[in-house]
Amino acid sequence: MNKFLQAIFICILSFIFCKCSETQELPKGRYDYNTRGKYMKGKLSDSSFAALKNDLLLYSSEEIKDTIVIKYDFNNADCWGGQHEMVDSLILQIIQSYQKGVVAEMVKRPGISVFEFREQGNETPKYRKWNNNVKIDNGFLQRLFFTERVVCGTSVIVLPDHQFLLVKTDPHFEALYHFSQKDMLDTIFRNRHNNN
């Protein structure tokens, strides 16, 4: 019976992940759901970098590490459609599983600080609203990085030399799981995504 429940849970998670990667049409003019440039690189000025670290200290009791990874979700942008049909206990299990993955990545790479934020508003999906690790942005981060509204949020990796990589429409936090590794970032900043 226990294996049966595990199989059902895995099937539900698979459905959610597949559903999340589908393109969803949202009100035009508010979101870019057909991103032609999924990746964007840039560089912060010294003053912007210092302001970023100061802003993040408002949300953290720990020292900000050399590399900063931030996941940002927008209000009224439900990437994971159908959650209103899920029982609350399943949503809580998904949140718990997701957070275990984030913590595991942080343990693997102790030189990174990871933050999750959402835009202010009342139309936040439960899987973000109920996650206590997701902080509400005071507006600073949105003005600095997240000005383009996209489905499934945007992530940013900020390196110690102030270079950054934005990953638009990032439902599975690939900025943390794939792009925050140094060799991958070196390749990107040297050879790819020259649309800054």
C-alpha atoms as a PDB file:
ATOM      1  CA  MET A   1       0.000   0.000   0.000  1.00  0.00           C
ATOM      2  CA  ASN A   2       2.850   2.385   0.865  1.00  0.00           C
ATOM      3  CA  LYS A   3       4.478   1.855  -2.555  1.00  0.00           C
ATOM      4  CA  PHE A   4       1.122   2.488  -4.189  1.00  0.00           C
ATOM      5  CA  LEU A   5       0.828   5.884  -2.460  1.00  0.00           C
ATOM      6  CA  GLN A   6       4.392   6.739  -3.457  1.00  0.00           C
ATOM      7  CA  ALA A   7       3.617   5.884  -7.089  1.00  0.00           C
ATOM      8  CA  ILE A   8       0.528   8.094  -7.043  1.00  0.00           C
ATOM      9  CA  PHE A   9       2.515  10.954  -5.474  1.00  0.00           C
ATOM     10  CA  ILE A  10       5.208  10.645  -8.166  1.00  0.00           C
ATOM     11  CA  CYS A  11       2.550  10.628 -10.907  1.00  0.00           C
ATOM     12  CA  ILE A  12       0.970  13.772  -9.471  1.00  0.00           C
ATOM     13  CA  LEU A  13       4.355  15.522  -9.247  1.00  0.00           C
ATOM     14  CA  SER A  14       5.123  14.532 -12.845  1.00  0.00           C
ATOM     15  CA  PHE A  15       1.799  15.967 -13.965  1.00  0.00           C
ATOM     16  CA  ILE A  16       2.492  19.205 -12.120  1.00  0.00           C
ATOM     17  CA  PHE A  17       5.980  19.576 -13.610  1.00  0.00           C
ATOM     18  CA  CYS A  18       4.686  18.870 -17.123  1.00  0.00           C
ATOM     19  CA  LYS A  19       1.784  21.270 -16.653  1.00  0.00           C
ATOM     20  CA  CYS A  20       4.183  23.923 -15.447  1.00  0.00           C
ATOM     21  CA  SER A  21       6.232  23.831 -18.629  1.00  0.00           C
ATOM     22  CA  GLU A  22       3.212  24.440 -20.887  1.00  0.00           C
ATOM     23  CA  THR A  23       2.748  27.935 -22.288  1.00  0.00           C
ATOM     24  CA  GLN A  24      -0.122  29.675 -20.545  1.00  0.00           C
ATOM     25  CA  GLU A  25      -1.869  32.690 -21.964  1.00  0.00           C
ATOM     26  CA  LEU A  26      -2.193  35.568 -19.527  1.00  0.00           C
ATOM     27  CA  PRO A  27      -3.554  39.068 -20.037  1.00  0.00           C
ATOM     28  CA  LYS A  28      -1.624  40.736 -22.850  1.00  0.00           C
ATOM     29  CA  GLY A  29       0.559  43.655 -21.922  1.00  0.00           C
ATOM     30  CA  ARG A  30       1.159  42.332 -18.432  1.00  0.00           C
ATOM     31  CA  TYR A  31       3.372  39.305 -19.090  1.00  0.00           C
ATOM     32  CA  ASP A  32       5.753  38.127 -21.750  1.00  0.00           C
ATOM     33  CA  TYR A  33       4.926  34.453 -22.138  1.00  0.00           C
ATOM     34  CA  ASN A  34       6.719  34.051 -25.442  1.00  0.00           C
ATOM     35  CA  THR A  35      10.195  35.097 -24.388  1.00  0.00           C
ATOM     36  CA  ARG A  36      12.467  35.431 -27.371  1.00  0.00           C
ATOM     37  CA  GLY A  37      15.466  35.928 -25.128  1.00  0.00           C
ATOM     38  CA  LYS A  38      15.177  33.525 -22.196  1.00  0.00           C
ATOM     39  CA  TYR A  39      18.633  34.497 -20.940  1.00  0.00           C
ATOM     40  CA  MET A  40      20.025  37.950 -20.388  1.00  0.00           C
ATOM     41  CA  LYS A  41      23.376  38.879 -18.964  1.00  0.00           C
ATOM     42  CA  GLY A  42      24.557  42.148 -17.541  1.00  0.00           C
ATOM     43  CA  LYS A  43      26.717  43.755 -14.903  1.00  0.00           C
ATOM     44  CA  LEU A  44      25.757  45.732 -11.808  1.00  0.00           C
ATOM     45  CA  SER A  45      27.563  48.919 -10.850  1.00  0.00           C
ATOM     46  CA  ASP A  46      29.401  48.918  -7.520  1.00  0.00           C
ATOM     47  CA  SER A  47      26.627  50.993  -5.938  1.00  0.00           C
ATOM     48  CA  SER A  48      23.855  48.713  -7.273  1.00  0.00           C
ATOM     49  CA  PHE A  49      25.701  45.641  -6.031  1.00  0.00           C
ATOM     50  CA  ALA A  50      26.126  47.190  -2.565  1.00  0.00           C
ATOM     51  CA  ALA A  51      22.437  48.170  -2.510  1.00  0.00           C
ATOM     52  CA  LEU A  52      21.471  44.612  -3.501  1.00  0.00           C
ATOM     53  CA  LYS A  53      23.477  43.117  -0.652  1.00  0.00           C
ATOM     54  CA  ASN A  54      22.013  45.635   1.808  1.00  0.00           C
ATOM     55  CA  ASP A  55      18.466  44.856   0.630  1.00  0.00           C
ATOM     56  CA  LEU A  56      19.017  41.098   0.949  1.00  0.00           C
ATOM     57  CA  LEU A  57      20.324  41.552   4.500  1.00  0.00           C
ATOM     58  CA  LEU A  58      16.821  42.753   5.424  1.00  0.00           C
ATOM     59  CA  TYR A  59      15.599  39.202   4.709  1.00  0.00           C
ATOM     60  CA  SER A  60      18.517  37.164   6.022  1.00  0.00           C
ATOM     61  CA  SER A  61      20.205  36.672   9.339  1.00  0.00           C
ATOM     62  CA  GLU A  62      23.209  35.120   7.609  1.00  0.00           C
ATOM     63  CA  GLU A  63      26.093  36.722   5.760  1.00  0.00           C
ATOM     64  CA  ILE A  64      25.482  37.168   2.023  1.00  0.00           C
ATOM     65  CA  LYS A  65      27.803  34.780   0.176  1.00  0.00           C
ATOM     66  CA  ASP A  66      29.947  35.429  -2.931  1.00  0.00           C
ATOM     67  CA  THR A  67      27.345  34.228  -5.433  1.00  0.00           C
ATOM     68  CA  ILE A  68      23.691  35.221  -5.067  1.00  0.00           C
ATOM     69  CA  VAL A  69      20.843  33.231  -6.641  1.00  0.00           C
ATOM     70  CA  ILE A  70      17.312  34.664  -6.512  1.00  0.00           C
ATOM     71  CA  LYS A  71      14.022  33.158  -7.725  1.00  0.00           C
ATOM     72  CA  TYR A  72      11.272  35.746  -8.269  1.00  0.00           C
ATOM     73  CA  ASP A  73       7.587  35.101  -8.963  1.00  0.00           C
ATOM     74  CA  PHE A  74       5.011  37.629 -10.069  1.00  0.00           C
ATOM     75  CA  ASN A  75       1.589  38.274  -8.597  1.00  0.00           C
ATOM     76  CA  ASN A  76      -1.321  36.866 -10.590  1.00  0.00           C
ATOM     77  CA  ALA A  77       0.910  34.508 -12.587  1.00  0.00           C
ATOM     78  CA  ASP A  78      -0.060  30.933 -11.755  1.00  0.00           C
ATOM     79  CA  CYS A  79       2.539  28.823 -13.482  1.00  0.00           C
ATOM     80  CA  TRP A  80       1.224  25.611 -11.987  1.00  0.00           C
ATOM     81  CA  GLY A  81      -2.344  25.661 -13.248  1.00  0.00           C
ATOM     82  CA  GLY A  82      -4.825  23.369 -11.569  1.00  0.00           C
ATOM     83  CA  GLN A  83      -3.554  23.764  -8.026  1.00  0.00           C
ATOM     84  CA  HIS A  84      -7.014  24.873  -6.913  1.00  0.00           C
ATOM     85  CA  GLU A  85      -8.086  21.270  -7.576  1.00  0.00           C
ATOM     86  CA  MET A  86      -5.349  19.822  -5.334  1.00  0.00           C
ATOM     87  CA  VAL A  87      -5.864  19.035  -1.686  1.00  0.00           C
ATOM     88  CA  ASP A  88      -3.950  21.299   0.656  1.00  0.00           C
ATOM     89  CA  SER A  89      -1.894  18.437   2.117  1.00  0.00           C
ATOM     90  CA  LEU A  90      -0.520  17.639  -1.355  1.00  0.00           C
ATOM     91  CA  ILE A  91       0.490  21.262  -1.920  1.00  0.00           C
ATOM     92  CA  LEU A  92       2.285  21.235   1.435  1.00  0.00           C
ATOM     93  CA  GLN A  93       4.111  18.011   0.454  1.00  0.00           C
ATOM     94  CA  ILE A  94       5.192  19.610  -2.832  1.00  0.00           C
ATOM     95  CA  ILE A  95       6.513  22.662  -0.949  1.00  0.00           C
ATOM     96  CA  GLN A  96       8.414  20.423   1.458  1.00  0.00           C
ATOM     97  CA  SER A  97       9.931  18.375  -1.379  1.00  0.00           C
ATOM     98  CA  TYR A  98      10.903  21.512  -3.277  1.00  0.00           C
ATOM     99  CA  GLN A  99      12.605  23.023  -0.222  1.00  0.00           C
ATOM    100  CA  LYS A 100      14.583  19.828   0.388  1.00  0.00           C
ATOM    101  CA  GLY A 101      15.973  20.190  -3.142  1.00  0.00           C
ATOM    102  CA  VAL A 102      16.939  23.820  -2.552  1.00  0.00           C
ATOM    103  CA  VAL A 103      18.676  22.971   0.731  1.00  0.00           C
ATOM    104  CA  ALA A 104      20.535  20.071  -0.916  1.00  0.00           C
ATOM    105  CA  GLU A 105      21.894  22.430  -3.596  1.00  0.00           C
ATOM    106  CA  MET A 106      22.994  24.929  -0.951  1.00  0.00           C
ATOM    107  CA  VAL A 107      24.833  22.189   0.931  1.00  0.00           C
ATOM    108  CA  LYS A 108      26.613  21.112  -2.278  1.00  0.00           C
ATOM    109  CA  ARG A 109      27.748  24.684  -2.956  1.00  0.00           C
ATOM    110  CA  PRO A 110      28.312  26.550   0.318  1.00  0.00           C
ATOM    111  CA  GLY A 111      29.563  29.675  -1.494  1.00  0.00           C
ATOM    112  CA  ILE A 112      26.068  30.681  -2.674  1.00  0.00           C
ATOM    113  CA  SER A 113      23.228  32.541  -1.003  1.00  0.00           C
ATOM    114  CA  VAL A 114      19.794  31.498  -2.231  1.00  0.00           C
ATOM    115  CA  PHE A 115      16.694  33.651  -1.937  1.00  0.00           C
ATOM    116  CA  GLU A 116      13.121  33.231  -3.096  1.00  0.00           C
ATOM    117  CA  PHE A 117      10.855  36.238  -3.511  1.00  0.00           C
ATOM    118  CA  ARG A 118       7.458  37.072  -4.847  1.00  0.00           C
ATOM    119  CA  GLU A 119       5.879  40.295  -5.914  1.00  0.00           C
ATOM    120  CA  GLN A 120       3.457  41.946  -3.497  1.00  0.00           C
ATOM    121  CA  GLY A 121      -0.194  41.140  -4.135  1.00  0.00           C
ATOM    122  CA  ASN A 122      -3.096  38.924  -3.209  1.00  0.00           C
ATOM    123  CA  GLU A 123      -3.159  36.712  -6.302  1.00  0.00           C
ATOM    124  CA  THR A 124      -0.213  34.505  -5.366  1.00  0.00           C
ATOM    125  CA  PRO A 125      -0.577  30.750  -5.926  1.00  0.00           C
ATOM    126  CA  LYS A 126      -0.694  28.614  -2.766  1.00  0.00           C
ATOM    127  CA  TYR A 127       2.563  26.817  -3.544  1.00  0.00           C
ATOM    128  CA  ARG A 128       4.386  30.171  -3.283  1.00  0.00           C
ATOM    129  CA  LYS A 129       2.186  31.870  -0.663  1.00  0.00           C
ATOM    130  CA  TRP A 130       2.407  28.956   1.777  1.00  0.00           C
ATOM    131  CA  ASN A 131       6.168  28.501   1.378  1.00  0.00           C
ATOM    132  CA  ASN A 132       7.669  30.331   4.356  1.00  0.00           C
ATOM    133  CA  ASN A 133      10.996  30.672   2.520  1.00  0.00           C
ATOM    134  CA  VAL A 134       9.417  32.867  -0.159  1.00  0.00           C
ATOM    135  CA  LYS A 135       9.705  36.485   0.957  1.00  0.00           C
ATOM    136  CA  ILE A 136       7.634  39.404  -0.304  1.00  0.00           C
ATOM    137  CA  ASP A 137       9.755  41.874  -2.258  1.00  0.00           C
ATOM    138  CA  ASN A 138       9.675  45.459  -1.016  1.00  0.00           C
ATOM    139  CA  GLY A 139       9.939  46.548  -4.669  1.00  0.00           C
ATOM    140  CA  PHE A 140      13.716  46.957  -4.827  1.00  0.00           C
ATOM    141  CA  LEU A 141      14.449  43.631  -6.547  1.00  0.00           C
ATOM    142  CA  GLN A 142      11.697  44.113  -9.087  1.00  0.00           C
ATOM    143  CA  ARG A 143      13.091  47.510 -10.046  1.00  0.00           C
ATOM    144  CA  LEU A 144      16.657  46.177 -10.198  1.00  0.00           C
ATOM    145  CA  PHE A 145      16.166  42.904 -12.113  1.00  0.00           C
ATOM    146  CA  PHE A 146      12.578  41.789 -12.564  1.00  0.00           C
ATOM    147  CA  THR A 147      10.964  44.507 -14.637  1.00  0.00           C
ATOM    148  CA  GLU A 148       9.731  42.134 -17.358  1.00  0.00           C
ATOM    149  CA  ARG A 149       6.763  40.091 -16.193  1.00  0.00           C
ATOM    150  CA  VAL A 150       6.942  36.503 -17.418  1.00  0.00           C
ATOM    151  CA  VAL A 151       5.006  33.327 -16.716  1.00  0.00           C
ATOM    152  CA  CYS A 152       6.661  31.106 -14.095  1.00  0.00           C
ATOM    153  CA  GLY A 153       8.902  33.852 -12.761  1.00  0.00           C
ATOM    154  CA  THR A 154      12.493  34.823 -13.393  1.00  0.00           C
ATOM    155  CA  SER A 155      15.691  33.915 -11.609  1.00  0.00           C
ATOM    156  CA  VAL A 156      18.994  35.734 -11.421  1.00  0.00           C
ATOM    157  CA  ILE A 157      22.519  34.647 -10.579  1.00  0.00           C
ATOM    158  CA  VAL A 158      24.803  37.460  -9.412  1.00  0.00           C
ATOM    159  CA  LEU A 159      28.513  36.703  -9.376  1.00  0.00           C
ATOM    160  CA  PRO A 160      31.152  38.283  -7.095  1.00  0.00           C
ATOM    161  CA  ASP A 161      32.425  40.425  -9.995  1.00  0.00           C
ATOM    162  CA  HIS A 162      28.870  41.902 -10.259  1.00  0.00           C
ATOM    163  CA  GLN A 163      28.031  40.129 -13.528  1.00  0.00           C
ATOM    164  CA  PHE A 164      24.562  38.607 -13.569  1.00  0.00           C
ATOM    165  CA  LEU A 165      22.528  36.158 -15.618  1.00  0.00           C
ATOM    166  CA  LEU A 166      18.733  36.407 -15.744  1.00  0.00           C
ATOM    167  CA  VAL A 167      16.818  33.213 -16.534  1.00  0.00           C
ATOM    168  CA  LYS A 168      13.322  34.181 -17.648  1.00  0.00           C
ATOM    169  CA  THR A 169      10.356  31.817 -17.315  1.00  0.00           C
ATOM    170  CA  ASP A 170      12.127  29.629 -14.769  1.00  0.00           C
ATOM    171  CA  PRO A 171       9.489  27.329 -13.226  1.00  0.00           C
ATOM    172  CA  HIS A 172      11.941  24.729 -11.931  1.00  0.00           C
ATOM    173  CA  PHE A 173      14.601  27.166 -10.652  1.00  0.00           C
ATOM    174  CA  GLU A 174      17.135  26.093 -13.278  1.00  0.00           C
ATOM    175  CA  ALA A 175      19.241  29.066 -12.247  1.00  0.00           C
ATOM    176  CA  LEU A 176      19.976  27.179  -9.045  1.00  0.00           C
ATOM    177  CA  TYR A 177      20.083  23.619 -10.321  1.00  0.00           C
ATOM    178  CA  HIS A 178      21.940  24.128 -13.618  1.00  0.00           C
ATOM    179  CA  PHE A 179      23.428  27.557 -14.135  1.00  0.00           C
ATOM    180  CA  SER A 180      24.907  28.386 -10.753  1.00  0.00           C
ATOM    181  CA  GLN A 181      27.825  26.020 -11.345  1.00  0.00           C
ATOM    182  CA  LYS A 182      31.002  27.962 -12.119  1.00  0.00           C
ATOM    183  CA  ASP A 183      31.988  26.092 -15.308  1.00  0.00           C
ATOM    184  CA  MET A 184      28.505  26.578 -16.775  1.00  0.00           C
ATOM    185  CA  LEU A 185      28.553  30.299 -15.970  1.00  0.00           C
ATOM    186  CA  ASP A 186      32.026  30.754 -17.437  1.00  0.00           C
ATOM    187  CA  THR A 187      30.784  29.239 -20.692  1.00  0.00           C
ATOM    188  CA  ILE A 188      27.708  31.461 -20.748  1.00  0.00           C
ATOM    189  CA  PHE A 189      29.583  34.682 -20.075  1.00  0.00           C
ATOM    190  CA  ARG A 190      32.280  33.816 -22.591  1.00  0.00           C
ATOM    191  CA  ASN A 191      30.296  32.367 -25.479  1.00  0.00           C
ATOM    192  CA  ARG A 192      26.514  32.554 -25.226  1.00  0.00           C
ATOM    193  CA  HIS A 193      23.540  34.834 -24.782  1.00  0.00           C
ATOM    194  CA  ASN A 194      25.031  38.088 -25.952  1.00  0.00           C
ATOM    195  CA  ASN A 195      21.701  39.900 -25.682  1.00  0.00           C
ATOM    196  CA  ASN A 196      22.497  42.147 -22.726  1.00  0.00           C
END
